[in-house]
C-alpha atoms as a PDB file:
ATOM      1  CA  MET A   1      65.737  87.584 -94.791  1.00  0.00           C
ATOM      2  CA  LYS A   2      69.130  86.642 -96.191  1.00  0.00           C
ATOM      3  CA  ILE A   3      70.983  83.503 -95.125  1.00  0.00           C
ATOM      4  CA  LEU A   4      74.602  84.442 -94.334  1.00  0.00           C
ATOM      5  CA  THR A   5      77.557  82.269 -95.194  1.00  0.00           C
ATOM      6  CA  ASN A   6      80.272  81.412 -92.697  1.00  0.00           C
ATOM      7  CA  ASP A   7      82.620  84.077 -94.129  1.00  0.00           C
ATOM      8  CA  GLU A   8      79.900  86.733 -93.954  1.00  0.00           C
ATOM      9  CA  LEU A   9      79.131  85.821 -90.344  1.00  0.00           C
ATOM     10  CA  LYS A  10      82.783  86.361 -89.383  1.00  0.00           C
ATOM     11  CA  LYS A  11      82.630  89.924 -90.781  1.00  0.00           C
ATOM     12  CA  VAL A  12      79.579  90.969 -88.735  1.00  0.00           C
ATOM     13  CA  ASP A  13      80.410  93.422 -85.946  1.00  0.00           C
ATOM     14  CA  GLY A  14      78.282  93.245 -82.825  1.00  0.00           C
ATOM     15  CA  GLY A  15      77.251  95.986 -80.446  1.00  0.00           C
ATOM     16  CA  GLY A  16      78.480  94.273 -77.306  1.00  0.00           C
ATOM     17  CA  PHE A  17      80.959  95.477 -74.717  1.00  0.00           C
ATOM     18  CA  SER A  18      84.620  95.357 -75.569  1.00  0.00           C
ATOM     19  CA  VAL A  19      87.293  94.193 -73.133  1.00  0.00           C
ATOM     20  CA  GLY A  20      88.802  97.696 -72.951  1.00  0.00           C
ATOM     21  CA  PHE A  21      85.430  99.206 -72.105  1.00  0.00           C
ATOM     22  CA  MET A  22      84.870  96.687 -69.322  1.00  0.00           C
ATOM     23  CA  ILE A  23      88.333  97.367 -67.841  1.00  0.00           C
ATOM     24  CA  GLY A  24      87.734 101.121 -67.999  1.00  0.00           C
ATOM     25  CA  LEU A  25      84.332 100.739 -66.387  1.00  0.00           C
ATOM     26  CA  GLY A  26      85.880  98.657 -63.601  1.00  0.00           C
ATOM     27  CA  ILE A  27      88.536 101.325 -62.987  1.00  0.00           C
ATOM     28  CA  VAL A  28      85.911 104.081 -62.765  1.00  0.00           C
ATOM     29  CA  VAL A  29      83.678 102.064 -60.421  1.00  0.00           C
ATOM     30  CA  THR A  30      86.639 101.191 -58.175  1.00  0.00           C
ATOM     31  CA  PHE A  31      87.715 104.842 -58.033  1.00  0.00           C
ATOM     32  CA  LEU A  32      84.205 106.036 -57.168  1.00  0.00           C
ATOM     33  CA  ILE A  33      83.868 103.415 -54.434  1.00  0.00           C
ATOM     34  CA  GLY A  34      87.195 104.598 -52.967  1.00  0.00           C
ATOM     35  CA  VAL A  35      86.130 108.240 -53.035  1.00  0.00           C
ATOM     36  CA  ILE A  36      82.778 107.491 -51.386  1.00  0.00           C
ATOM     37  CA  ASP A  37      84.482 105.286 -48.779  1.00  0.00           C
ATOM     38  CA  GLY A  38      86.972 108.068 -48.024  1.00  0.00           C
ATOM     39  CA  ILE A  39      84.209 110.616 -47.526  1.00  0.00           C
ATOM     40  CA  VAL A  40      81.984 108.378 -45.407  1.00  0.00           C
ATOM     41  CA  ARG A  41      84.727 106.724 -43.330  1.00  0.00           C
ATOM     42  CA  PRO A  42      87.836 108.936 -43.213  1.00  0.00           C
ATOM     43  CA  LEU A  43      90.895 107.223 -41.691  1.00  0.00           C
ATOM     44  CA  LYS A  44      94.105 108.849 -40.491  1.00  0.00           C
ATOM     45  CA  CYS A  45      97.360 108.067 -42.266  1.00  0.00           C
ATOM     46  CA  ASN A  46      99.819 106.272 -40.002  1.00  0.00           C
END
């Protein structure tokens, strides 16, 4: 196992979620909830 220096640690890329991915996922989930709500509970437009 190699001990990394501070500069090497800053260059390491992780496999976590990015902010853009989380925003996109939120948009998709919100859209799907709206579609399901519209199918299950249709309301008339006033």
